[in-house]
Amino acid sequence: MHVPDGFFNVAVSVSAGAVAAAGTAVCLRGARRELDDRTAPMAGLVAAFIFAVQMLNFPVAAGTSGHLLGGALAAILVGPYTAVLCMAVVLLVQGFFFADGGLTALGVNITLMGIVTVLTGWGVFRLITQSAHGRAAVTAASFAAALVSVPASALVFTLLFWVGGTAPIEIGTVAAAMGGVHVLIGIGEGLITAVTVATVLAARPDLVYGARGLAAPLVLRGADGDVTVTPDTVERVPAPAGKARPFLLAGVGLTLVLAGVVSFFASGDPDGLERVAEDEGFLAQATGHAFGSWSLADYGDVGGIPVGVAGVVGVGITLVAGGAVAYGARRRDREGA
């Protein structure tokens, strides 16, 4: 659901940019409470994974496809503040290197795909997990959170376009069309999110921010007897970096396979936003991207680069950028302490 240049007037573009900048700044401060020796490298991996999976458009209806947004998934894995940073990194890499999402619409995209999806997804997830516990509940809550976050973002887009779009629309008609197709996309998003969260829970539950407290109690044997440390206390004790390295390397390997191999089989149909824009008559408002002639634009299609190669390049850039942001926030937290 990457919004191109030309869809919004200057007032909405600037306002959304201000919201995105302010929200990212708040999240940069808040992420200091979420990032530690385990979640800092995990944040870079999550950003790269979302970049890769967003390349894998899947069919949702005749002639329409969808792809992961990823805000709910990121929030559950690394925390809501860090999730917004991950989404901002992904969208910046896509916009500047792959001409995916307009540069003047960057604030709109960060607001819709980052802030709205994270807030909605995390809110739904917490609402469910406060009354239900256990790994099954976390997985089910992940599905519901991701499912709801997608149409929520689509409806906020509709509202913004009604307020400051560059073409008149019937808000009820567009809202119904956007909401309907993005509910279908949300089902796919929910399945991807639930499977991913369940997989990480099975391998390393301590790396799932939203599942803190599920780890078994740690028993320390001392001279005076056994001392039991509660799961909440365990979560605050940084695990040795080497202990998580095999999992992180496996995650990077899977991400590279998705971007470098599976991306060749992605659906070529227009996504939900593009399909609705075409059907409702405002797709022509989109203007050319400033970097649309770059070799990597449209994931290598412009420069004749295989999509898998472009995907691997994008994963590398996103992994480095996401990890740098996460480690930068973590270091500032330590200096402040």
C-alpha atoms as a PDB file:
ATOM      1  CA  MET A   1       0.000   0.000   0.000  1.00  0.00           C
ATOM      2  CA  HIS A   2       2.809   2.364  -0.894  1.00  0.00           C
ATOM      3  CA  VAL A   3       1.353   5.768  -1.730  1.00  0.00           C
ATOM      4  CA  PRO A   4       2.986   7.348  -4.821  1.00  0.00           C
ATOM      5  CA  ASP A   5       3.794  10.996  -5.419  1.00  0.00           C
ATOM      6  CA  GLY A   6       0.888  13.105  -6.633  1.00  0.00           C
ATOM      7  CA  PHE A   7      -1.939  11.596  -4.594  1.00  0.00           C
ATOM      8  CA  PHE A   8      -1.950  14.283  -1.880  1.00  0.00           C
ATOM      9  CA  ASN A   9      -1.790  18.053  -1.872  1.00  0.00           C
ATOM     10  CA  VAL A  10       1.032  19.976  -0.229  1.00  0.00           C
ATOM     11  CA  ALA A  11      -0.837  20.616   3.026  1.00  0.00           C
ATOM     12  CA  VAL A  12      -1.544  16.954   3.739  1.00  0.00           C
ATOM     13  CA  SER A  13       1.924  15.845   2.579  1.00  0.00           C
ATOM     14  CA  VAL A  14       3.640  18.355   4.856  1.00  0.00           C
ATOM     15  CA  SER A  15       1.321  17.620   7.775  1.00  0.00           C
ATOM     16  CA  ALA A  16       1.828  13.878   7.436  1.00  0.00           C
ATOM     17  CA  GLY A  17       5.559  14.458   7.201  1.00  0.00           C
ATOM     18  CA  ALA A  18       5.451  16.402  10.472  1.00  0.00           C
ATOM     19  CA  VAL A  19       3.448  13.622  12.136  1.00  0.00           C
ATOM     20  CA  ALA A  20       5.875  11.003  10.856  1.00  0.00           C
ATOM     21  CA  ALA A  21       8.914  12.989  11.999  1.00  0.00           C
ATOM     22  CA  ALA A  22       7.450  13.653  15.440  1.00  0.00           C
ATOM     23  CA  GLY A  23       6.289  10.065  15.823  1.00  0.00           C
ATOM     24  CA  THR A  24       9.693   8.699  14.805  1.00  0.00           C
ATOM     25  CA  ALA A  25      11.434  11.041  17.255  1.00  0.00           C
ATOM     26  CA  VAL A  26       9.170   9.896  20.097  1.00  0.00           C
ATOM     27  CA  CYS A  27       9.765   6.263  19.143  1.00  0.00           C
ATOM     28  CA  LEU A  28      13.522   6.810  19.006  1.00  0.00           C
ATOM     29  CA  ARG A  29      13.382   7.840  22.663  1.00  0.00           C
ATOM     30  CA  GLY A  30      10.926   5.118  23.618  1.00  0.00           C
ATOM     31  CA  ALA A  31      12.970   2.426  21.861  1.00  0.00           C
ATOM     32  CA  ARG A  32      15.731   2.948  24.401  1.00  0.00           C
ATOM     33  CA  ARG A  33      13.554   1.094  26.899  1.00  0.00           C
ATOM     34  CA  GLU A  34      13.041  -1.814  24.483  1.00  0.00           C
ATOM     35  CA  LEU A  35      16.488  -2.306  22.984  1.00  0.00           C
ATOM     36  CA  ASP A  36      19.113  -4.452  24.681  1.00  0.00           C
ATOM     37  CA  ASP A  37      21.775  -6.913  23.599  1.00  0.00           C
ATOM     38  CA  ARG A  38      19.110  -9.268  22.218  1.00  0.00           C
ATOM     39  CA  THR A  39      16.614  -6.910  20.606  1.00  0.00           C
ATOM     40  CA  ALA A  40      19.134  -4.570  18.934  1.00  0.00           C
ATOM     41  CA  PRO A  41      20.311  -7.159  16.381  1.00  0.00           C
ATOM     42  CA  MET A  42      16.768  -8.547  16.271  1.00  0.00           C
ATOM     43  CA  ALA A  43      15.482  -5.122  15.178  1.00  0.00           C
ATOM     44  CA  GLY A  44      17.806  -5.099  12.168  1.00  0.00           C
ATOM     45  CA  LEU A  45      16.676  -8.599  11.238  1.00  0.00           C
ATOM     46  CA  VAL A  46      12.994  -7.691  11.611  1.00  0.00           C
ATOM     47  CA  ALA A  47      13.402  -4.662   9.331  1.00  0.00           C
ATOM     48  CA  ALA A  48      15.189  -6.771   6.700  1.00  0.00           C
ATOM     49  CA  PHE A  49      12.595  -9.551   6.983  1.00  0.00           C
ATOM     50  CA  ILE A  50       9.728  -7.096   6.471  1.00  0.00           C
ATOM     51  CA  PHE A  51      11.503  -5.628   3.438  1.00  0.00           C
ATOM     52  CA  ALA A  52      11.856  -9.114   1.953  1.00  0.00           C
ATOM     53  CA  VAL A  53       8.301 -10.260   2.648  1.00  0.00           C
ATOM     54  CA  GLN A  54       6.842  -7.020   1.283  1.00  0.00           C
ATOM     55  CA  MET A  55       8.273  -8.088  -2.083  1.00  0.00           C
ATOM     56  CA  LEU A  56       6.113 -11.220  -2.036  1.00  0.00           C
ATOM     57  CA  ASN A  57       2.770 -10.026  -3.346  1.00  0.00           C
ATOM     58  CA  PHE A  58       0.092 -12.703  -3.001  1.00  0.00           C
ATOM     59  CA  PRO A  59      -3.241 -12.856  -4.893  1.00  0.00           C
ATOM     60  CA  VAL A  60      -6.327 -11.878  -2.896  1.00  0.00           C
ATOM     61  CA  ALA A  61      -8.948 -11.491  -5.626  1.00  0.00           C
ATOM     62  CA  ALA A  62      -9.236 -11.582  -9.397  1.00  0.00           C
ATOM     63  CA  GLY A  63      -6.565  -9.234 -10.700  1.00  0.00           C
ATOM     64  CA  THR A  64      -5.607  -7.899  -7.252  1.00  0.00           C
ATOM     65  CA  SER A  65      -2.716  -8.732  -4.947  1.00  0.00           C
ATOM     66  CA  GLY A  66      -1.569  -7.778  -1.499  1.00  0.00           C
ATOM     67  CA  HIS A  67       1.617  -7.851   0.535  1.00  0.00           C
ATOM     68  CA  LEU A  68       2.649  -7.733   4.156  1.00  0.00           C
ATOM     69  CA  LEU A  69       2.669  -4.323   5.799  1.00  0.00           C
ATOM     70  CA  GLY A  70       4.493  -5.608   8.866  1.00  0.00           C
ATOM     71  CA  GLY A  71       3.726  -3.056  11.571  1.00  0.00           C
ATOM     72  CA  ALA A  72       1.948  -5.499  13.880  1.00  0.00           C
ATOM     73  CA  LEU A  73       4.597  -8.172  13.341  1.00  0.00           C
ATOM     74  CA  ALA A  74       7.407  -5.762  14.191  1.00  0.00           C
ATOM     75  CA  ALA A  75       5.619  -4.499  17.305  1.00  0.00           C
ATOM     76  CA  ILE A  76       5.103  -8.023  18.653  1.00  0.00           C
ATOM     77  CA  LEU A  77       8.690  -9.091  17.975  1.00  0.00           C
ATOM     78  CA  VAL A  78      10.681  -6.022  19.068  1.00  0.00           C
ATOM     79  CA  GLY A  79       8.215  -3.667  20.771  1.00  0.00           C
ATOM     80  CA  PRO A  80       6.004  -0.851  19.445  1.00  0.00           C
ATOM     81  CA  TYR A  81       8.553   1.963  19.634  1.00  0.00           C
ATOM     82  CA  THR A  82      11.256  -0.037  17.889  1.00  0.00           C
ATOM     83  CA  ALA A  83       8.672  -1.283  15.377  1.00  0.00           C
ATOM     84  CA  VAL A  84       8.001   2.235  14.097  1.00  0.00           C
ATOM     85  CA  LEU A  85      11.746   2.717  13.614  1.00  0.00           C
ATOM     86  CA  CYS A  86      11.947  -0.563  11.691  1.00  0.00           C
ATOM     87  CA  MET A  87       9.061   0.451   9.449  1.00  0.00           C
ATOM     88  CA  ALA A  88      10.580   3.894   8.847  1.00  0.00           C
ATOM     89  CA  VAL A  89      13.877   2.283   7.804  1.00  0.00           C
ATOM     90  CA  VAL A  90      12.093  -0.103   5.414  1.00  0.00           C
ATOM     91  CA  LEU A  91      10.093   2.705   3.800  1.00  0.00           C
ATOM     92  CA  LEU A  92      13.146   4.954   3.471  1.00  0.00           C
ATOM     93  CA  VAL A  93      15.126   2.190   1.764  1.00  0.00           C
ATOM     94  CA  GLN A  94      12.221   1.384  -0.548  1.00  0.00           C
ATOM     95  CA  GLY A  95      11.621   5.024  -1.429  1.00  0.00           C
ATOM     96  CA  PHE A  96      15.206   6.109  -2.044  1.00  0.00           C
ATOM     97  CA  PHE A  97      16.707   2.963  -3.545  1.00  0.00           C
ATOM     98  CA  PHE A  98      13.793   1.204  -5.268  1.00  0.00           C
ATOM     99  CA  ALA A  99      11.395   4.073  -6.145  1.00  0.00           C
ATOM    100  CA  ASP A 100       8.669   2.249  -4.206  1.00  0.00           C
ATOM    101  CA  GLY A 101       6.496   4.878  -2.545  1.00  0.00           C
ATOM    102  CA  GLY A 102       6.724   8.553  -3.370  1.00  0.00           C
ATOM    103  CA  LEU A 103       9.287  10.843  -1.772  1.00  0.00           C
ATOM    104  CA  THR A 104       6.740  13.618  -1.206  1.00  0.00           C
ATOM    105  CA  ALA A 105       4.447  10.903   0.192  1.00  0.00           C
ATOM    106  CA  LEU A 106       7.099   9.496   2.527  1.00  0.00           C
ATOM    107  CA  GLY A 107       5.456  11.076   5.561  1.00  0.00           C
ATOM    108  CA  VAL A 108       2.088   9.661   4.503  1.00  0.00           C
ATOM    109  CA  ASN A 109       3.568   6.184   4.074  1.00  0.00           C
ATOM    110  CA  ILE A 110       5.378   6.213   7.426  1.00  0.00           C
ATOM    111  CA  THR A 111       2.203   7.447   9.103  1.00  0.00           C
ATOM    112  CA  LEU A 112      -0.047   4.847   7.446  1.00  0.00           C
ATOM    113  CA  MET A 113       2.213   1.799   7.214  1.00  0.00           C
ATOM    114  CA  GLY A 114       4.300   2.520  10.271  1.00  0.00           C
ATOM    115  CA  ILE A 115       2.503   4.468  12.972  1.00  0.00           C
ATOM    116  CA  VAL A 116      -1.108   3.445  12.264  1.00  0.00           C
ATOM    117  CA  THR A 117      -0.373  -0.264  11.793  1.00  0.00           C
ATOM    118  CA  VAL A 118       1.872  -0.411  14.857  1.00  0.00           C
ATOM    119  CA  LEU A 119      -0.548   1.443  17.136  1.00  0.00           C
ATOM    120  CA  THR A 120      -3.543  -0.559  15.945  1.00  0.00           C
ATOM    121  CA  GLY A 121      -1.771  -3.907  15.898  1.00  0.00           C
ATOM    122  CA  TRP A 122      -0.106  -3.470  19.278  1.00  0.00           C
ATOM    123  CA  GLY A 123      -3.356  -2.244  20.831  1.00  0.00           C
ATOM    124  CA  VAL A 124      -5.297  -5.282  19.601  1.00  0.00           C
ATOM    125  CA  PHE A 125      -2.484  -7.627  20.630  1.00  0.00           C
ATOM    126  CA  ARG A 126      -2.304  -6.233  24.170  1.00  0.00           C
ATOM    127  CA  LEU A 127      -6.072  -6.238  24.535  1.00  0.00           C
ATOM    128  CA  ILE A 128      -6.202  -9.960  23.761  1.00  0.00           C
ATOM    129  CA  THR A 129      -3.115 -11.048  25.707  1.00  0.00           C
ATOM    130  CA  GLN A 130      -4.240  -9.240  28.862  1.00  0.00           C
ATOM    131  CA  SER A 131      -7.116 -11.695  29.195  1.00  0.00           C
ATOM    132  CA  ALA A 132      -5.525 -14.791  27.608  1.00  0.00           C
ATOM    133  CA  HIS A 133      -2.133 -16.306  28.289  1.00  0.00           C
ATOM    134  CA  GLY A 134       0.178 -18.888  26.810  1.00  0.00           C
ATOM    135  CA  ARG A 135       1.815 -19.384  23.436  1.00  0.00           C
ATOM    136  CA  ALA A 136      -1.427 -20.274  21.681  1.00  0.00           C
ATOM    137  CA  ALA A 137      -2.969 -17.016  22.887  1.00  0.00           C
ATOM    138  CA  VAL A 138       0.046 -15.025  21.695  1.00  0.00           C
ATOM    139  CA  THR A 139      -0.166 -16.637  18.260  1.00  0.00           C
ATOM    140  CA  ALA A 140      -3.916 -16.033  17.996  1.00  0.00           C
ATOM    141  CA  ALA A 141      -3.475 -12.438  19.179  1.00  0.00           C
ATOM    142  CA  SER A 142      -0.766 -11.947  16.540  1.00  0.00           C
ATOM    143  CA  PHE A 143      -3.159 -13.045  13.807  1.00  0.00           C
ATOM    144  CA  ALA A 144      -5.941 -10.749  15.020  1.00  0.00           C
ATOM    145  CA  ALA A 145      -3.605  -7.783  15.501  1.00  0.00           C
ATOM    146  CA  ALA A 146      -2.184  -8.050  12.003  1.00  0.00           C
ATOM    147  CA  LEU A 147      -5.601  -8.630  10.444  1.00  0.00           C
ATOM    148  CA  VAL A 148      -7.119  -5.507  12.019  1.00  0.00           C
ATOM    149  CA  SER A 149      -4.095  -3.283  11.359  1.00  0.00           C
ATOM    150  CA  VAL A 150      -4.338  -3.531   7.565  1.00  0.00           C
ATOM    151  CA  PRO A 151      -7.912  -2.267   6.958  1.00  0.00           C
ATOM    152  CA  ALA A 152      -7.342   0.312   9.699  1.00  0.00           C
ATOM    153  CA  SER A 153      -4.446   1.744   7.694  1.00  0.00           C
ATOM    154  CA  ALA A 154      -6.521   1.604   4.500  1.00  0.00           C
ATOM    155  CA  LEU A 155      -9.390   3.525   6.086  1.00  0.00           C
ATOM    156  CA  VAL A 156      -7.034   6.204   7.427  1.00  0.00           C
ATOM    157  CA  PHE A 157      -5.689   6.575   3.874  1.00  0.00           C
ATOM    158  CA  THR A 158      -9.256   7.060   2.633  1.00  0.00           C
ATOM    159  CA  LEU A 159      -9.899   9.740   5.235  1.00  0.00           C
ATOM    160  CA  LEU A 160      -6.682  11.577   4.360  1.00  0.00           C
ATOM    161  CA  PHE A 161      -7.454  11.406   0.645  1.00  0.00           C
ATOM    162  CA  TRP A 162     -10.936  12.775   1.267  1.00  0.00           C
ATOM    163  CA  VAL A 163      -9.391  15.676   3.207  1.00  0.00           C
ATOM    164  CA  GLY A 164      -6.464  16.463   0.925  1.00  0.00           C
ATOM    165  CA  GLY A 165      -6.361  14.169  -2.079  1.00  0.00           C
ATOM    166  CA  THR A 166      -5.707  15.574  -5.516  1.00  0.00           C
ATOM    167  CA  ALA A 167      -8.914  14.129  -6.961  1.00  0.00           C
ATOM    168  CA  PRO A 168     -12.510  14.189  -5.673  1.00  0.00           C
ATOM    169  CA  ILE A 169     -13.849  10.905  -4.316  1.00  0.00           C
ATOM    170  CA  GLU A 170     -17.042   9.531  -2.865  1.00  0.00           C
ATOM    171  CA  ILE A 171     -15.681   8.740   0.565  1.00  0.00           C
ATOM    172  CA  GLY A 172     -18.243   6.026   1.289  1.00  0.00           C
ATOM    173  CA  THR A 173     -17.556   4.189  -1.960  1.00  0.00           C
ATOM    174  CA  VAL A 174     -13.775   4.403  -1.635  1.00  0.00           C
ATOM    175  CA  ALA A 175     -13.875   3.460   2.056  1.00  0.00           C
ATOM    176  CA  ALA A 176     -15.924   0.368   1.245  1.00  0.00           C
ATOM    177  CA  ALA A 177     -13.589  -0.606  -1.589  1.00  0.00           C
ATOM    178  CA  MET A 178     -10.408   0.034   0.397  1.00  0.00           C
ATOM    179  CA  GLY A 179     -11.741  -1.629   3.525  1.00  0.00           C
ATOM    180  CA  GLY A 180     -13.058  -4.660   1.656  1.00  0.00           C
ATOM    181  CA  VAL A 181      -9.928  -5.512  -0.314  1.00  0.00           C
ATOM    182  CA  HIS A 182      -7.658  -4.779   2.635  1.00  0.00           C
ATOM    183  CA  VAL A 183      -9.616  -7.115   4.896  1.00  0.00           C
ATOM    184  CA  LEU A 184      -8.642  -9.853   2.434  1.00  0.00           C
ATOM    185  CA  ILE A 185      -5.043  -8.638   2.474  1.00  0.00           C
ATOM    186  CA  GLY A 186      -5.262  -8.503   6.261  1.00  0.00           C
ATOM    187  CA  ILE A 187      -6.079 -12.211   6.385  1.00  0.00           C
ATOM    188  CA  GLY A 188      -2.854 -12.933   4.512  1.00  0.00           C
ATOM    189  CA  GLU A 189      -1.008 -10.538   6.799  1.00  0.00           C
ATOM    190  CA  GLY A 190      -2.469 -12.269   9.825  1.00  0.00           C
ATOM    191  CA  LEU A 191      -1.373 -15.702   8.624  1.00  0.00           C
ATOM    192  CA  ILE A 192       2.173 -14.524   7.866  1.00  0.00           C
ATOM    193  CA  THR A 193       2.399 -12.761  11.224  1.00  0.00           C
ATOM    194  CA  ALA A 194       1.019 -15.686  13.223  1.00  0.00           C
ATOM    195  CA  VAL A 195       3.326 -18.221  11.543  1.00  0.00           C
ATOM    196  CA  THR A 196       6.356 -15.977  12.038  1.00  0.00           C
ATOM    197  CA  VAL A 197       5.597 -15.262  15.699  1.00  0.00           C
ATOM    198  CA  ALA A 198       4.849 -18.938  16.414  1.00  0.00           C
ATOM    199  CA  THR A 199       8.137 -19.961  14.786  1.00  0.00           C
ATOM    200  CA  VAL A 200      10.189 -17.498  16.815  1.00  0.00           C
ATOM    201  CA  LEU A 201       8.304 -18.505  19.969  1.00  0.00           C
ATOM    202  CA  ALA A 202       9.202 -22.141  19.368  1.00  0.00           C
ATOM    203  CA  ALA A 203      12.883 -21.376  18.809  1.00  0.00           C
ATOM    204  CA  ARG A 204      13.640 -18.357  21.019  1.00  0.00           C
ATOM    205  CA  PRO A 205      10.656 -17.124  23.085  1.00  0.00           C
ATOM    206  CA  ASP A 206      12.952 -14.659  24.864  1.00  0.00           C
ATOM    207  CA  LEU A 207      13.300 -12.755  21.573  1.00  0.00           C
ATOM    208  CA  VAL A 208       9.559 -12.071  21.266  1.00  0.00           C
ATOM    209  CA  TYR A 209       8.901  -8.759  23.009  1.00  0.00           C
ATOM    210  CA  GLY A 210       5.152  -9.341  23.189  1.00  0.00           C
ATOM    211  CA  ALA A 211       5.602 -12.724  24.880  1.00  0.00           C
ATOM    212  CA  ARG A 212       7.813 -11.647  27.741  1.00  0.00           C
ATOM    213  CA  GLY A 213       7.029 -13.693  30.823  1.00  0.00           C
ATOM    214  CA  LEU A 214       6.530 -16.963  28.926  1.00  0.00           C
ATOM    215  CA  ALA A 215      10.039 -18.184  29.587  1.00  0.00           C
ATOM    216  CA  ALA A 216      10.462 -20.900  32.209  1.00  0.00           C
ATOM    217  CA  PRO A 217      11.801 -19.731  35.613  1.00  0.00           C
ATOM    218  CA  LEU A 218      15.559 -19.758  35.962  1.00  0.00           C
ATOM    219  CA  VAL A 219      16.844 -21.646  39.015  1.00  0.00           C
ATOM    220  CA  LEU A 220      20.212 -20.606  40.416  1.00  0.00           C
ATOM    221  CA  ARG A 221      21.815 -23.078  42.797  1.00  0.00           C
ATOM    222  CA  GLY A 222      23.798 -21.407  45.553  1.00  0.00           C
ATOM    223  CA  ALA A 223      25.442 -22.450  48.785  1.00  0.00           C
ATOM    224  CA  ASP A 224      22.374 -21.453  50.781  1.00  0.00           C
ATOM    225  CA  GLY A 225      19.934 -23.391  48.581  1.00  0.00           C
ATOM    226  CA  ASP A 226      18.016 -22.883  45.356  1.00  0.00           C
ATOM    227  CA  VAL A 227      17.100 -19.364  44.314  1.00  0.00           C
ATOM    228  CA  THR A 228      14.343 -19.050  41.710  1.00  0.00           C
ATOM    229  CA  VAL A 229      14.329 -16.036  39.403  1.00  0.00           C
ATOM    230  CA  THR A 230      10.920 -15.201  37.926  1.00  0.00           C
ATOM    231  CA  PRO A 231      10.424 -15.006  34.151  1.00  0.00           C
ATOM    232  CA  ASP A 232       9.937 -11.222  34.356  1.00  0.00           C
ATOM    233  CA  THR A 233      13.319 -10.890  36.039  1.00  0.00           C
ATOM    234  CA  VAL A 234      14.916 -13.199  33.509  1.00  0.00           C
ATOM    235  CA  GLU A 235      13.646 -10.975  30.715  1.00  0.00           C
ATOM    236  CA  ARG A 236      15.645  -8.081  32.124  1.00  0.00           C
ATOM    237  CA  VAL A 237      18.889 -10.054  32.164  1.00  0.00           C
ATOM    238  CA  PRO A 238      20.654  -9.686  28.776  1.00  0.00           C
ATOM    239  CA  ALA A 239      21.389 -13.068  27.213  1.00  0.00           C
ATOM    240  CA  PRO A 240      24.916 -13.616  25.890  1.00  0.00           C
ATOM    241  CA  ALA A 241      25.143 -12.354  22.324  1.00  0.00           C
ATOM    242  CA  GLY A 242      26.631 -15.605  21.090  1.00  0.00           C
ATOM    243  CA  LYS A 243      23.642 -17.563  22.335  1.00  0.00           C
ATOM    244  CA  ALA A 244      21.319 -15.791  19.887  1.00  0.00           C
ATOM    245  CA  ARG A 245      23.778 -15.763  16.992  1.00  0.00           C
ATOM    246  CA  PRO A 246      22.690 -19.080  15.400  1.00  0.00           C
ATOM    247  CA  PHE A 247      19.057 -17.987  15.416  1.00  0.00           C
ATOM    248  CA  LEU A 248      19.884 -14.575  13.958  1.00  0.00           C
ATOM    249  CA  LEU A 249      22.076 -16.076  11.241  1.00  0.00           C
ATOM    250  CA  ALA A 250      19.308 -18.528  10.352  1.00  0.00           C
ATOM    251  CA  GLY A 251      16.885 -15.594  10.180  1.00  0.00           C
ATOM    252  CA  VAL A 252      19.179 -13.689   7.840  1.00  0.00           C
ATOM    253  CA  GLY A 253      19.528 -16.784   5.664  1.00  0.00           C
ATOM    254  CA  LEU A 254      15.756 -17.233   5.427  1.00  0.00           C
ATOM    255  CA  THR A 255      15.313 -13.542   4.628  1.00  0.00           C
ATOM    256  CA  LEU A 256      17.844 -13.766   1.797  1.00  0.00           C
ATOM    257  CA  VAL A 257      16.077 -16.820   0.370  1.00  0.00           C
ATOM    258  CA  LEU A 258      12.729 -14.998   0.433  1.00  0.00           C
ATOM    259  CA  ALA A 259      14.122 -11.895  -1.267  1.00  0.00           C
ATOM    260  CA  GLY A 260      16.519 -13.675  -3.590  1.00  0.00           C
ATOM    261  CA  VAL A 261      14.498 -16.703  -4.679  1.00  0.00           C
ATOM    262  CA  VAL A 262      10.833 -16.612  -3.624  1.00  0.00           C
ATOM    263  CA  SER A 263      10.449 -13.057  -4.963  1.00  0.00           C
ATOM    264  CA  PHE A 264      10.570 -14.470  -8.507  1.00  0.00           C
ATOM    265  CA  PHE A 265       7.183 -16.100  -7.847  1.00  0.00           C
ATOM    266  CA  ALA A 266       5.411 -13.034  -6.429  1.00  0.00           C
ATOM    267  CA  SER A 267       2.121 -11.975  -8.011  1.00  0.00           C
ATOM    268  CA  GLY A 268       2.414  -9.289 -10.666  1.00  0.00           C
ATOM    269  CA  ASP A 269      -1.148  -8.019 -10.170  1.00  0.00           C
ATOM    270  CA  PRO A 270      -1.653  -4.487  -8.797  1.00  0.00           C
ATOM    271  CA  ASP A 271      -1.977  -4.263  -5.033  1.00  0.00           C
ATOM    272  CA  GLY A 272      -5.119  -3.207  -3.197  1.00  0.00           C
ATOM    273  CA  LEU A 273      -4.464   0.549  -3.269  1.00  0.00           C
ATOM    274  CA  GLU A 274      -3.514   0.550  -6.943  1.00  0.00           C
ATOM    275  CA  ARG A 275      -6.573  -1.504  -7.870  1.00  0.00           C
ATOM    276  CA  VAL A 276      -8.974   0.758  -5.957  1.00  0.00           C
ATOM    277  CA  ALA A 277      -7.307   3.880  -7.367  1.00  0.00           C
ATOM    278  CA  GLU A 278      -7.759   2.520 -10.886  1.00  0.00           C
ATOM    279  CA  ASP A 279     -11.374   1.493 -10.306  1.00  0.00           C
ATOM    280  CA  GLU A 280     -12.313   4.792  -8.629  1.00  0.00           C
ATOM    281  CA  GLY A 281     -10.558   6.993 -11.177  1.00  0.00           C
ATOM    282  CA  PHE A 282      -7.731   8.623  -9.242  1.00  0.00           C
ATOM    283  CA  LEU A 283      -4.749   6.447 -10.251  1.00  0.00           C
ATOM    284  CA  ALA A 284      -3.861   8.990 -12.964  1.00  0.00           C
ATOM    285  CA  GLN A 285      -3.012  11.490 -10.195  1.00  0.00           C
ATOM    286  CA  ALA A 286       0.192   9.560  -9.488  1.00  0.00           C
ATOM    287  CA  THR A 287       3.301  11.326 -10.795  1.00  0.00           C
ATOM    288  CA  GLY A 288       6.729   9.992 -11.752  1.00  0.00           C
ATOM    289  CA  HIS A 289       9.213   9.135  -9.023  1.00  0.00           C
ATOM    290  CA  ALA A 290      12.338  11.291  -8.741  1.00  0.00           C
ATOM    291  CA  PHE A 291      14.480   8.133  -8.749  1.00  0.00           C
ATOM    292  CA  GLY A 292      12.314   6.215 -11.186  1.00  0.00           C
ATOM    293  CA  SER A 293      15.131   5.900 -13.726  1.00  0.00           C
ATOM    294  CA  TRP A 294      17.618   4.342 -11.311  1.00  0.00           C
ATOM    295  CA  SER A 295      18.787   0.806 -12.051  1.00  0.00           C
ATOM    296  CA  LEU A 296      17.197  -0.578  -8.861  1.00  0.00           C
ATOM    297  CA  ALA A 297      13.867   1.194  -9.451  1.00  0.00           C
ATOM    298  CA  ASP A 298      10.889  -1.136  -9.404  1.00  0.00           C
ATOM    299  CA  TYR A 299      13.158  -3.734  -7.797  1.00  0.00           C
ATOM    300  CA  GLY A 300      15.552  -3.930 -10.718  1.00  0.00           C
ATOM    301  CA  ASP A 301      13.010  -3.921 -13.521  1.00  0.00           C
ATOM    302  CA  VAL A 302      14.147  -0.523 -14.820  1.00  0.00           C
ATOM    303  CA  GLY A 303      17.808  -1.482 -14.972  1.00  0.00           C
ATOM    304  CA  GLY A 304      17.287  -5.041 -16.123  1.00  0.00           C
ATOM    305  CA  ILE A 305      18.496  -6.401 -12.779  1.00  0.00           C
ATOM    306  CA  PRO A 306      16.874  -9.709 -11.717  1.00  0.00           C
ATOM    307  CA  VAL A 307      14.360  -9.112  -8.940  1.00  0.00           C
ATOM    308  CA  GLY A 308      16.142 -11.617  -6.711  1.00  0.00           C
ATOM    309  CA  VAL A 309      19.421  -9.728  -7.001  1.00  0.00           C
ATOM    310  CA  ALA A 310      17.675  -6.438  -6.259  1.00  0.00           C
ATOM    311  CA  GLY A 311      15.973  -8.095  -3.290  1.00  0.00           C
ATOM    312  CA  VAL A 312      19.258  -9.316  -1.836  1.00  0.00           C
ATOM    313  CA  VAL A 313      20.734  -5.828  -2.225  1.00  0.00           C
ATOM    314  CA  GLY A 314      17.699  -4.353  -0.467  1.00  0.00           C
ATOM    315  CA  VAL A 315      17.912  -6.853   2.380  1.00  0.00           C
ATOM    316  CA  GLY A 316      21.564  -5.962   2.895  1.00  0.00           C
ATOM    317  CA  ILE A 317      20.892  -2.228   2.951  1.00  0.00           C
ATOM    318  CA  THR A 318      17.911  -2.605   5.282  1.00  0.00           C
ATOM    319  CA  LEU A 319      19.735  -4.967   7.627  1.00  0.00           C
ATOM    320  CA  VAL A 320      22.653  -2.580   8.008  1.00  0.00           C
ATOM    321  CA  ALA A 321      20.450   0.530   8.317  1.00  0.00           C
ATOM    322  CA  GLY A 322      18.019  -1.080  10.755  1.00  0.00           C
ATOM    323  CA  GLY A 323      20.806  -2.495  12.880  1.00  0.00           C
ATOM    324  CA  ALA A 324      22.622   0.853  12.931  1.00  0.00           C
ATOM    325  CA  VAL A 325      19.504   2.682  14.130  1.00  0.00           C
ATOM    326  CA  ALA A 326      18.867   0.067  16.812  1.00  0.00           C
ATOM    327  CA  TYR A 327      22.432   0.014  18.069  1.00  0.00           C
ATOM    328  CA  GLY A 328      22.558   3.802  17.981  1.00  0.00           C
ATOM    329  CA  ALA A 329      19.520   4.044  20.236  1.00  0.00           C
ATOM    330  CA  ARG A 330      20.923   1.391  22.554  1.00  0.00           C
ATOM    331  CA  ARG A 331      24.239   3.176  22.910  1.00  0.00           C
ATOM    332  CA  ARG A 332      22.574   6.486  23.734  1.00  0.00           C
ATOM    333  CA  ASP A 333      20.559   4.715  26.418  1.00  0.00           C
ATOM    334  CA  ARG A 334      23.750   3.351  27.999  1.00  0.00           C
ATOM    335  CA  GLU A 335      25.451   6.734  27.861  1.00  0.00           C
ATOM    336  CA  GLY A 336      22.453   8.335  29.532  1.00  0.00           C
ATOM    337  CA  ALA A 337      22.524   5.693  32.254  1.00  0.00           C
END
